[in-house]
PDB file of N, CA and C in Angstrom:
ATOM      1  N   MET A   1      84.948 113.403 126.961  1.00  0.00           N
ATOM      2  CA  MET A   1      85.020 114.835 126.734  1.00  0.00           C
ATOM      3  C   MET A   1      83.590 115.377 126.723  1.00  0.00           C
ATOM      4  N   ALA A   2      83.433 116.544 127.327  1.00  0.00           N
ATOM      5  CA  ALA A   2      82.105 117.158 127.395  1.00  0.00           C
ATOM      6  C   ALA A   2      82.221 118.649 127.128  1.00  0.00           C
ATOM      7  N   LYS A   3      81.176 119.205 126.530  1.00  0.00           N
ATOM      8  CA  LYS A   3      81.073 120.649 126.369  1.00  0.00           C
ATOM      9  C   LYS A   3      80.304 121.186 127.570  1.00  0.00           C
ATOM     10  N   ILE A   4      80.812 122.278 128.114  1.00  0.00           N
ATOM     11  CA  ILE A   4      80.184 122.922 129.260  1.00  0.00           C
ATOM     12  C   ILE A   4      79.917 124.366 128.882  1.00  0.00           C
ATOM     13  N   LYS A   5      78.698 124.827 129.132  1.00  0.00           N
ATOM     14  CA  LYS A   5      78.375 126.229 128.902  1.00  0.00           C
ATOM     15  C   LYS A   5      78.332 126.936 130.245  1.00  0.00           C
ATOM     16  N   PHE A   6      79.250 127.885 130.417  1.00  0.00           N
ATOM     17  CA  PHE A   6      79.272 128.739 131.601  1.00  0.00           C
ATOM     18  C   PHE A   6      78.577 130.045 131.238  1.00  0.00           C
ATOM     19  N   ILE A   7      77.683 130.485 132.094  1.00  0.00           N
ATOM     20  CA  ILE A   7      77.011 131.767 131.897  1.00  0.00           C
ATOM     21  C   ILE A   7      77.307 132.632 133.118  1.00  0.00           C
ATOM     22  N   GLU A   8      78.005 133.737 132.881  1.00  0.00           N
ATOM     23  CA  GLU A   8      78.318 134.663 133.969  1.00  0.00           C
ATOM     24  C   GLU A   8      77.057 135.401 134.399  1.00  0.00           C
ATOM     25  N   HIS A   9      77.104 136.004 135.577  1.00  0.00           N
ATOM     26  CA  HIS A   9      75.940 136.726 136.109  1.00  0.00           C
ATOM     27  C   HIS A   9      75.472 137.833 135.176  1.00  0.00           C
ATOM     28  N   ASN A  10      76.372 138.362 134.339  1.00  0.00           N
ATOM     29  CA  ASN A  10      76.007 139.443 133.418  1.00  0.00           C
ATOM     30  C   ASN A  10      75.540 138.926 132.058  1.00  0.00           C
ATOM     31  N   GLY A  11      75.446 137.608 131.904  1.00  0.00           N
ATOM     32  CA  GLY A  11      74.962 137.015 130.668  1.00  0.00           C
ATOM     33  C   GLY A  11      76.036 136.569 129.696  1.00  0.00           C
ATOM     34  N   THR A  12      77.303 136.925 129.950  1.00  0.00           N
ATOM     35  CA  THR A  12      78.397 136.500 129.081  1.00  0.00           C
ATOM     36  C   THR A  12      78.510 134.984 129.118  1.00  0.00           C
ATOM     37  N   GLU A  13      78.580 134.376 127.946  1.00  0.00           N
ATOM     38  CA  GLU A  13      78.652 132.920 127.849  1.00  0.00           C
ATOM     39  C   GLU A  13      80.031 132.456 127.400  1.00  0.00           C
ATOM     40  N   HIS A  14      80.453 131.332 127.951  1.00  0.00           N
ATOM     41  CA  HIS A  14      81.701 130.680 127.579  1.00  0.00           C
ATOM     42  C   HIS A  14      81.378 129.209 127.353  1.00  0.00           C
ATOM     43  N   GLU A  15      81.691 128.686 126.199  1.00  0.00           N
ATOM     44  CA  GLU A  15      81.510 127.252 125.965  1.00  0.00           C
ATOM     45  C   GLU A  15      82.898 126.634 125.875  1.00  0.00           C
ATOM     46  N   VAL A  16      83.160 125.668 126.738  1.00  0.00           N
ATOM     47  CA  VAL A  16      84.469 125.028 126.786  1.00  0.00           C
ATOM     48  C   VAL A  16      84.306 123.518 126.675  1.00  0.00           C
ATOM     49  N   GLU A  17      85.370 122.872 126.227  1.00  0.00           N
ATOM     50  CA  GLU A  17      85.414 121.417 126.230  1.00  0.00           C
ATOM     51  C   GLU A  17      86.393 120.989 127.296  1.00  0.00           C
ATOM     52  N   ALA A  18      86.048 119.929 127.999  1.00  0.00           N
ATOM     53  CA  ALA A  18      86.904 119.440 129.069  1.00  0.00           C
ATOM     54  C   ALA A  18      86.876 117.919 129.101  1.00  0.00           C
ATOM     55  N   GLY A  19      87.987 117.366 129.507  1.00  0.00           N
ATOM     56  CA  GLY A  19      88.126 115.921 129.555  1.00  0.00           C
ATOM     57  C   GLY A  19      87.425 115.282 130.732  1.00  0.00           C
ATOM     58  N   ASN A  20      87.017 114.060 130.531  1.00  0.00           N
ATOM     59  CA  ASN A  20      86.374 113.292 131.595  1.00  0.00           C
ATOM     60  C   ASN A  20      87.315 113.166 132.782  1.00  0.00           C
ATOM     61  N   GLY A  21      86.742 113.224 133.974  1.00  0.00           N
ATOM     62  CA  GLY A  21      87.505 113.083 135.196  1.00  0.00           C
ATOM     63  C   GLY A  21      87.920 114.404 135.814  1.00  0.00           C
ATOM     64  N   LEU A  22      88.011 115.455 135.008  1.00  0.00           N
ATOM     65  CA  LEU A  22      88.282 116.782 135.568  1.00  0.00           C
ATOM     66  C   LEU A  22      87.028 117.258 136.294  1.00  0.00           C
ATOM     67  N   SER A  23      87.199 118.231 137.152  1.00  0.00           N
ATOM     68  CA  SER A  23      86.029 118.843 137.778  1.00  0.00           C
ATOM     69  C   SER A  23      85.579 120.029 136.931  1.00  0.00           C
ATOM     70  N   ILE A  24      84.341 120.434 137.123  1.00  0.00           N
ATOM     71  CA  ILE A  24      83.848 121.620 136.434  1.00  0.00           C
ATOM     72  C   ILE A  24      84.676 122.837 136.845  1.00  0.00           C
ATOM     73  N   MET A  25      85.116 122.881 138.093  1.00  0.00           N
ATOM     74  CA  MET A  25      85.984 123.972 138.548  1.00  0.00           C
ATOM     75  C   MET A  25      87.276 124.008 137.743  1.00  0.00           C
ATOM     76  N   GLN A  26      87.905 122.849 137.546  1.00  0.00           N
ATOM     77  CA  GLN A  26      89.151 122.798 136.791  1.00  0.00           C
ATOM     78  C   GLN A  26      88.932 123.256 135.353  1.00  0.00           C
ATOM     79  N   ALA A  27      87.820 122.866 134.768  1.00  0.00           N
ATOM     80  CA  ALA A  27      87.515 123.292 133.402  1.00  0.00           C
ATOM     81  C   ALA A  27      87.381 124.806 133.334  1.00  0.00           C
ATOM     82  N   ALA A  28      86.735 125.402 134.340  1.00  0.00           N
ATOM     83  CA  ALA A  28      86.562 126.854 134.374  1.00  0.00           C
ATOM     84  C   ALA A  28      87.906 127.559 134.529  1.00  0.00           C
ATOM     85  N   VAL A  29      88.708 127.105 135.484  1.00  0.00           N
ATOM     86  CA  VAL A  29      90.010 127.728 135.736  1.00  0.00           C
ATOM     87  C   VAL A  29      90.922 127.568 134.515  1.00  0.00           C
ATOM     88  N   ASN A  30      90.965 126.375 133.943  1.00  0.00           N
ATOM     89  CA  ASN A  30      91.824 126.126 132.777  1.00  0.00           C
ATOM     90  C   ASN A  30      91.460 127.005 131.584  1.00  0.00           C
ATOM     91  N   ASN A  31      90.191 127.405 131.522  1.00  0.00           N
ATOM     92  CA  ASN A  31      89.711 128.207 130.390  1.00  0.00           C
ATOM     93  C   ASN A  31      89.436 129.657 130.775  1.00  0.00           C
ATOM     94  N   LYS A  32      89.928 130.059 131.946  1.00  0.00           N
ATOM     95  CA  LYS A  32      89.841 131.441 132.416  1.00  0.00           C
ATOM     96  C   LYS A  32      88.411 131.996 132.429  1.00  0.00           C
ATOM     97  N   VAL A  33      87.487 131.164 132.881  1.00  0.00           N
ATOM     98  CA  VAL A  33      86.102 131.593 133.017  1.00  0.00           C
ATOM     99  C   VAL A  33      85.996 132.475 134.257  1.00  0.00           C
ATOM    100  N   ALA A  34      85.506 133.685 134.074  1.00  0.00           N
ATOM    101  CA  ALA A  34      85.346 134.612 135.199  1.00  0.00           C
ATOM    102  C   ALA A  34      84.279 134.101 136.157  1.00  0.00           C
ATOM    103  N   GLY A  35      84.473 134.385 137.447  1.00  0.00           N
ATOM    104  CA  GLY A  35      83.465 134.042 138.432  1.00  0.00           C
ATOM    105  C   GLY A  35      83.770 132.806 139.243  1.00  0.00           C
ATOM    106  N   ILE A  36      84.808 132.069 138.870  1.00  0.00           N
ATOM    107  CA  ILE A  36      85.226 130.902 139.641  1.00  0.00           C
ATOM    108  C   ILE A  36      86.584 131.240 140.254  1.00  0.00           C
ATOM    109  N   VAL A  37      86.602 131.493 141.560  1.00  0.00           N
ATOM    110  CA  VAL A  37      87.834 131.893 142.238  1.00  0.00           C
ATOM    111  C   VAL A  37      88.686 130.667 142.576  1.00  0.00           C
ATOM    112  N   ALA A  38      88.053 129.621 143.070  1.00  0.00           N
ATOM    113  CA  ALA A  38      88.737 128.354 143.385  1.00  0.00           C
ATOM    114  C   ALA A  38      89.886 128.545 144.357  1.00  0.00           C
ATOM    115  N   GLU A  39      89.621 129.259 145.422  1.00  0.00           N
ATOM    116  CA  GLU A  39      90.650 129.601 146.404  1.00  0.00           C
ATOM    117  C   GLU A  39      91.333 128.390 147.024  1.00  0.00           C
ATOM    118  N   CYS A  40      90.598 127.320 147.305  1.00  0.00           N
ATOM    119  CA  CYS A  40      91.195 126.150 147.951  1.00  0.00           C
ATOM    120  C   CYS A  40      91.711 125.127 146.943  1.00  0.00           C
ATOM    121  N   GLY A  41      91.567 125.417 145.671  1.00  0.00           N
ATOM    122  CA  GLY A  41      92.094 124.523 144.646  1.00  0.00           C
ATOM    123  C   GLY A  41      91.318 123.242 144.450  1.00  0.00           C
ATOM    124  N   GLY A  42      90.134 123.182 144.976  1.00  0.00           N
ATOM    125  CA  GLY A  42      89.300 122.004 144.767  1.00  0.00           C
ATOM    126  C   GLY A  42      89.248 121.054 145.942  1.00  0.00           C
ATOM    127  N   ALA A  43      89.655 121.510 147.118  1.00  0.00           N
ATOM    128  CA  ALA A  43      89.686 120.662 148.307  1.00  0.00           C
ATOM    129  C   ALA A  43      88.372 120.647 149.077  1.00  0.00           C
ATOM    130  N   CYS A  44      87.354 121.316 148.573  1.00  0.00           N
ATOM    131  CA  CYS A  44      86.048 121.395 149.229  1.00  0.00           C
ATOM    132  C   CYS A  44      86.177 121.989 150.628  1.00  0.00           C
ATOM    133  N   SER A  45      87.025 123.035 150.730  1.00  0.00           N
ATOM    134  CA  SER A  45      87.202 123.677 152.029  1.00  0.00           C
ATOM    135  C   SER A  45      86.899 125.169 151.978  1.00  0.00           C
ATOM    136  N   CYS A  46      86.222 125.584 150.921  1.00  0.00           N
ATOM    137  CA  CYS A  46      85.742 126.959 150.817  1.00  0.00           C
ATOM    138  C   CYS A  46      84.508 126.907 149.898  1.00  0.00           C
ATOM    139  N   ALA A  47      83.969 128.032 149.578  1.00  0.00           N
ATOM    140  CA  ALA A  47      82.811 128.046 148.679  1.00  0.00           C
ATOM    141  C   ALA A  47      83.044 128.995 147.510  1.00  0.00           C
ATOM    142  N   THR A  48      84.326 129.173 147.131  1.00  0.00           N
ATOM    143  CA  THR A  48      84.640 130.150 146.081  1.00  0.00           C
ATOM    144  C   THR A  48      84.586 129.566 144.670  1.00  0.00           C
ATOM    145  N   CYS A  49      84.036 128.385 144.554  1.00  0.00           N
ATOM    146  CA  CYS A  49      83.768 127.821 143.222  1.00  0.00           C
ATOM    147  C   CYS A  49      82.271 127.522 143.093  1.00  0.00           C
ATOM    148  N   HIS A  50      81.488 128.214 143.921  1.00  0.00           N
ATOM    149  CA  HIS A  50      80.031 128.037 143.918  1.00  0.00           C
ATOM    150  C   HIS A  50      79.465 128.361 142.544  1.00  0.00           C
ATOM    151  N   VAL A  51      78.587 127.517 142.070  1.00  0.00           N
ATOM    152  CA  VAL A  51      77.878 127.736 140.807  1.00  0.00           C
ATOM    153  C   VAL A  51      76.429 127.312 140.985  1.00  0.00           C
ATOM    154  N   GLN A  52      75.631 127.669 140.013  1.00  0.00           N
ATOM    155  CA  GLN A  52      74.253 127.203 139.984  1.00  0.00           C
ATOM    156  C   GLN A  52      74.066 126.382 138.713  1.00  0.00           C
ATOM    157  N   ILE A  53      73.560 125.198 138.907  1.00  0.00           N
ATOM    158  CA  ILE A  53      73.359 124.250 137.814  1.00  0.00           C
ATOM    159  C   ILE A  53      71.931 124.377 137.326  1.00  0.00           C
ATOM    160  N   ASP A  54      71.746 124.503 136.018  1.00  0.00           N
ATOM    161  CA  ASP A  54      70.388 124.561 135.480  1.00  0.00           C
ATOM    162  C   ASP A  54      69.607 123.329 135.930  1.00  0.00           C
ATOM    163  N   SER A  55      68.334 123.528 136.233  1.00  0.00           N
ATOM    164  CA  SER A  55      67.514 122.487 136.846  1.00  0.00           C
ATOM    165  C   SER A  55      67.463 121.196 136.042  1.00  0.00           C
ATOM    166  N   GLU A  56      67.463 121.273 134.737  1.00  0.00           N
ATOM    167  CA  GLU A  56      67.409 120.043 133.937  1.00  0.00           C
ATOM    168  C   GLU A  56      68.656 119.186 134.117  1.00  0.00           C
ATOM    169  N   TRP A  57      69.749 119.783 134.549  1.00  0.00           N
ATOM    170  CA  TRP A  57      71.002 119.059 134.755  1.00  0.00           C
ATOM    171  C   TRP A  57      71.221 118.661 136.208  1.00  0.00           C
ATOM    172  N   TYR A  58      70.615 119.381 137.131  1.00  0.00           N
ATOM    173  CA  TYR A  58      70.875 119.151 138.550  1.00  0.00           C
ATOM    174  C   TYR A  58      70.610 117.698 138.946  1.00  0.00           C
ATOM    175  N   ALA A  59      69.546 117.131 138.465  1.00  0.00           N
ATOM    176  CA  ALA A  59      69.190 115.755 138.816  1.00  0.00           C
ATOM    177  C   ALA A  59      70.130 114.724 138.195  1.00  0.00           C
ATOM    178  N   LYS A  60      70.916 115.129 137.213  1.00  0.00           N
ATOM    179  CA  LYS A  60      71.816 114.194 136.521  1.00  0.00           C
ATOM    180  C   LYS A  60      73.181 114.084 137.179  1.00  0.00           C
ATOM    181  N   ILE A  61      73.452 114.944 138.151  1.00  0.00           N
ATOM    182  CA  ILE A  61      74.748 114.887 138.821  1.00  0.00           C
ATOM    183  C   ILE A  61      74.587 114.264 140.199  1.00  0.00           C
ATOM    184  N   GLU A  62      75.681 113.715 140.690  1.00  0.00           N
ATOM    185  CA  GLU A  62      75.663 113.065 142.003  1.00  0.00           C
ATOM    186  C   GLU A  62      75.273 114.081 143.078  1.00  0.00           C
ATOM    187  N   ALA A  63      74.521 113.633 144.052  1.00  0.00           N
ATOM    188  CA  ALA A  63      74.079 114.507 145.142  1.00  0.00           C
ATOM    189  C   ALA A  63      75.283 115.033 145.922  1.00  0.00           C
ATOM    190  N   PRO A  64      75.165 116.238 146.476  1.00  0.00           N
ATOM    191  CA  PRO A  64      76.278 116.795 147.257  1.00  0.00           C
ATOM    192  C   PRO A  64      76.499 116.021 148.548  1.00  0.00           C
ATOM    193  N   SER A  65      77.765 115.953 148.945  1.00  0.00           N
ATOM    194  CA  SER A  65      78.116 115.297 150.207  1.00  0.00           C
ATOM    195  C   SER A  65      77.755 116.219 151.378  1.00  0.00           C
ATOM    196  N   ASP A  66      77.835 115.685 152.585  1.00  0.00           N
ATOM    197  CA  ASP A  66      77.569 116.498 153.775  1.00  0.00           C
ATOM    198  C   ASP A  66      78.559 117.652 153.874  1.00  0.00           C
ATOM    199  N   ILE A  67      79.823 117.399 153.563  1.00  0.00           N
ATOM    200  CA  ILE A  67      80.842 118.457 153.626  1.00  0.00           C
ATOM    201  C   ILE A  67      80.535 119.549 152.606  1.00  0.00           C
ATOM    202  N   GLU A  68      80.161 119.154 151.393  1.00  0.00           N
ATOM    203  CA  GLU A  68      79.809 120.156 150.394  1.00  0.00           C
ATOM    204  C   GLU A  68      78.614 120.980 150.855  1.00  0.00           C
ATOM    205  N   ASN A  69      77.608 120.340 151.402  1.00  0.00           N
ATOM    206  CA  ASN A  69      76.440 121.079 151.906  1.00  0.00           C
ATOM    207  C   ASN A  69      76.836 122.082 152.988  1.00  0.00           C
ATOM    208  N   GLU A  70      77.772 121.694 153.857  1.00  0.00           N
ATOM    209  CA  GLU A  70      78.246 122.620 154.887  1.00  0.00           C
ATOM    210  C   GLU A  70      78.945 123.822 154.262  1.00  0.00           C
ATOM    211  N   MET A  71      79.763 123.592 153.256  1.00  0.00           N
ATOM    212  CA  MET A  71      80.466 124.688 152.577  1.00  0.00           C
ATOM    213  C   MET A  71      79.480 125.596 151.834  1.00  0.00           C
ATOM    214  N   LEU A  72      78.443 125.018 151.272  1.00  0.00           N
ATOM    215  CA  LEU A  72      77.451 125.817 150.542  1.00  0.00           C
ATOM    216  C   LEU A  72      76.722 126.798 151.449  1.00  0.00           C
ATOM    217  N   GLU A  73      76.705 126.523 152.749  1.00  0.00           N
ATOM    218  CA  GLU A  73      76.087 127.460 153.692  1.00  0.00           C
ATOM    219  C   GLU A  73      76.780 128.822 153.665  1.00  0.00           C
ATOM    220  N   PHE A  74      78.039 128.851 153.230  1.00  0.00           N
ATOM    221  CA  PHE A  74      78.814 130.098 153.177  1.00  0.00           C
ATOM    222  C   PHE A  74      78.734 130.781 151.814  1.00  0.00           C
ATOM    223  N   ALA A  75      78.082 130.154 150.863  1.00  0.00           N
ATOM    224  CA  ALA A  75      78.020 130.699 149.501  1.00  0.00           C
ATOM    225  C   ALA A  75      77.017 131.846 149.417  1.00  0.00           C
ATOM    226  N   ILE A  76      77.420 132.886 148.718  1.00  0.00           N
ATOM    227  CA  ILE A  76      76.509 133.996 148.435  1.00  0.00           C
ATOM    228  C   ILE A  76      75.544 133.526 147.350  1.00  0.00           C
ATOM    229  N   ASP A  77      74.318 133.939 147.432  1.00  0.00           N
ATOM    230  CA  ASP A  77      73.286 133.574 146.447  1.00  0.00           C
ATOM    231  C   ASP A  77      73.007 132.075 146.396  1.00  0.00           C
ATOM    232  N   TYR A  78      73.141 131.411 147.543  1.00  0.00           N
ATOM    233  CA  TYR A  78      72.825 129.987 147.614  1.00  0.00           C
ATOM    234  C   TYR A  78      71.365 129.758 147.244  1.00  0.00           C
ATOM    235  N   GLU A  79      71.139 128.768 146.393  1.00  0.00           N
ATOM    236  CA  GLU A  79      69.781 128.371 146.019  1.00  0.00           C
ATOM    237  C   GLU A  79      69.679 126.854 146.118  1.00  0.00           C
ATOM    238  N   GLU A  80      68.733 126.409 146.932  1.00  0.00           N
ATOM    239  CA  GLU A  80      68.520 124.967 147.081  1.00  0.00           C
ATOM    240  C   GLU A  80      68.150 124.356 145.742  1.00  0.00           C
ATOM    241  N   ASN A  81      68.700 123.189 145.471  1.00  0.00           N
ATOM    242  CA  ASN A  81      68.451 122.409 144.256  1.00  0.00           C
ATOM    243  C   ASN A  81      69.022 123.028 142.982  1.00  0.00           C
ATOM    244  N   THR A  82      69.895 124.017 143.111  1.00  0.00           N
ATOM    245  CA  THR A  82      70.666 124.489 141.954  1.00  0.00           C
ATOM    246  C   THR A  82      72.117 124.754 142.336  1.00  0.00           C
ATOM    247  N   SER A  83      72.365 125.160 143.584  1.00  0.00           N
ATOM    248  CA  SER A  83      73.715 125.516 144.013  1.00  0.00           C
ATOM    249  C   SER A  83      74.577 124.284 144.246  1.00  0.00           C
ATOM    250  N   ARG A  84      75.799 124.359 143.739  1.00  0.00           N
ATOM    251  CA  ARG A  84      76.796 123.308 143.948  1.00  0.00           C
ATOM    252  C   ARG A  84      78.173 123.940 143.981  1.00  0.00           C
ATOM    253  N   LEU A  85      79.127 123.212 144.521  1.00  0.00           N
ATOM    254  CA  LEU A  85      80.529 123.586 144.410  1.00  0.00           C
ATOM    255  C   LEU A  85      81.068 122.900 143.166  1.00  0.00           C
ATOM    256  N   SER A  86      81.579 123.695 142.254  1.00  0.00           N
ATOM    257  CA  SER A  86      82.005 123.127 140.964  1.00  0.00           C
ATOM    258  C   SER A  86      83.203 122.196 141.105  1.00  0.00           C
ATOM    259  N   CYS A  87      83.934 122.279 142.218  1.00  0.00           N
ATOM    260  CA  CYS A  87      85.063 121.365 142.419  1.00  0.00           C
ATOM    261  C   CYS A  87      84.594 119.942 142.710  1.00  0.00           C
ATOM    262  N   GLN A  88      83.336 119.775 143.056  1.00  0.00           N
ATOM    263  CA  GLN A  88      82.814 118.472 143.444  1.00  0.00           C
ATOM    264  C   GLN A  88      82.045 117.763 142.328  1.00  0.00           C
ATOM    265  N   ILE A  89      81.992 118.381 141.156  1.00  0.00           N
ATOM    266  CA  ILE A  89      81.265 117.772 140.030  1.00  0.00           C
ATOM    267  C   ILE A  89      82.271 117.309 138.993  1.00  0.00           C
ATOM    268  N   LYS A  90      82.374 116.010 138.831  1.00  0.00           N
ATOM    269  CA  LYS A  90      83.305 115.425 137.870  1.00  0.00           C
ATOM    270  C   LYS A  90      82.662 115.359 136.488  1.00  0.00           C
ATOM    271  N   ILE A  91      83.440 115.716 135.503  1.00  0.00           N
ATOM    272  CA  ILE A  91      82.972 115.732 134.121  1.00  0.00           C
ATOM    273  C   ILE A  91      82.953 114.312 133.570  1.00  0.00           C
ATOM    274  N   SER A  92      81.884 114.016 132.839  1.00  0.00           N
ATOM    275  CA  SER A  92      81.737 112.733 132.145  1.00  0.00           C
ATOM    276  C   SER A  92      80.969 112.981 130.856  1.00  0.00           C
ATOM    277  N   ASP A  93      80.941 111.990 130.003  1.00  0.00           N
ATOM    278  CA  ASP A  93      80.202 112.120 128.740  1.00  0.00           C
ATOM    279  C   ASP A  93      78.736 112.464 128.982  1.00  0.00           C
ATOM    280  N   GLU A  94      78.179 111.987 130.101  1.00  0.00           N
ATOM    281  CA  GLU A  94      76.776 112.231 130.414  1.00  0.00           C
ATOM    282  C   GLU A  94      76.485 113.706 130.681  1.00  0.00           C
ATOM    283  N   LEU A  95      77.515 114.491 130.974  1.00  0.00           N
ATOM    284  CA  LEU A  95      77.319 115.915 131.256  1.00  0.00           C
ATOM    285  C   LEU A  95      77.571 116.801 130.037  1.00  0.00           C
ATOM    286  N   ASP A  96      77.724 116.179 128.874  1.00  0.00           N
ATOM    287  CA  ASP A  96      77.936 116.953 127.652  1.00  0.00           C
ATOM    288  C   ASP A  96      76.764 117.903 127.422  1.00  0.00           C
ATOM    289  N   GLY A  97      77.051 119.204 127.405  1.00  0.00           N
ATOM    290  CA  GLY A  97      76.021 120.217 127.204  1.00  0.00           C
ATOM    291  C   GLY A  97      75.525 120.871 128.482  1.00  0.00           C
ATOM    292  N   ILE A  98      76.070 120.490 129.636  1.00  0.00           N
ATOM    293  CA  ILE A  98      75.608 121.045 130.915  1.00  0.00           C
ATOM    294  C   ILE A  98      75.742 122.570 130.914  1.00  0.00           C
ATOM    295  N   VAL A  99      74.801 123.214 131.558  1.00  0.00           N
ATOM    296  CA  VAL A  99      74.782 124.681 131.681  1.00  0.00           C
ATOM    297  C   VAL A  99      75.035 125.038 133.144  1.00  0.00           C
ATOM    298  N   VAL A 100      76.053 125.877 133.351  1.00  0.00           N
ATOM    299  CA  VAL A 100      76.511 126.262 134.682  1.00  0.00           C
ATOM    300  C   VAL A 100      76.507 127.789 134.766  1.00  0.00           C
ATOM    301  N   ARG A 101      75.902 128.317 135.798  1.00  0.00           N
ATOM    302  CA  ARG A 101      75.864 129.786 135.987  1.00  0.00           C
ATOM    303  C   ARG A 101      76.754 130.180 137.155  1.00  0.00           C
ATOM    304  N   THR A 102      77.511 131.263 136.945  1.00  0.00           N
ATOM    305  CA  THR A 102      78.364 131.759 138.023  1.00  0.00           C
ATOM    306  C   THR A 102      77.673 132.925 138.719  1.00  0.00           C
ATOM    307  N   PRO A 103      77.831 133.028 140.034  1.00  0.00           N
ATOM    308  CA  PRO A 103      77.192 134.127 140.764  1.00  0.00           C
ATOM    309  C   PRO A 103      77.928 135.451 140.542  1.00  0.00           C
ATOM    310  N   GLU A 104      77.297 136.531 140.943  1.00  0.00           N
ATOM    311  CA  GLU A 104      77.911 137.848 140.797  1.00  0.00           C
ATOM    312  C   GLU A 104      79.185 137.951 141.630  1.00  0.00           C
ATOM    313  N   SER A 105      79.207 137.311 142.801  1.00  0.00           N
ATOM    314  CA  SER A 105      80.369 137.367 143.669  1.00  0.00           C
ATOM    315  C   SER A 105      80.527 136.052 144.408  1.00  0.00           C
ATOM    316  N   GLN A 106      81.768 135.700 144.694  1.00  0.00           N
ATOM    317  CA  GLN A 106      82.058 134.512 145.495  1.00  0.00           C
ATOM    318  C   GLN A 106      82.326 134.888 146.951  1.00  0.00           C
ATOM    319  N   TYR A 107      82.339 136.163 147.261  1.00  0.00           N
ATOM    320  CA  TYR A 107      82.654 136.620 148.622  1.00  0.00           C
ATOM    321  C   TYR A 107      81.490 137.328 149.238  1.00  0.00           C
TER     322      TYR A 107
END
């Protein structure tokens, strides 16, 4: 189980707990965090779960796959070394306290 802090583009914060093995996207959707559309349901076939990971955490998560990198090309407000698709980040005890920022828009 890990605590995740979501920060919306307007500064609103949501702290949620989520079980290991879920994706950060699933944790956001399950807890009604605004800013995560998750149109494809986590299939890595869109970029509507785009988030930005705080730099101190970015190095602690697995590197994005080639498919994820291709999808990130369609993300609004893409930033190298912070942008990720939240459906591709699996929650583990090591991510307890991770800070995730949602963009102003997913479209």
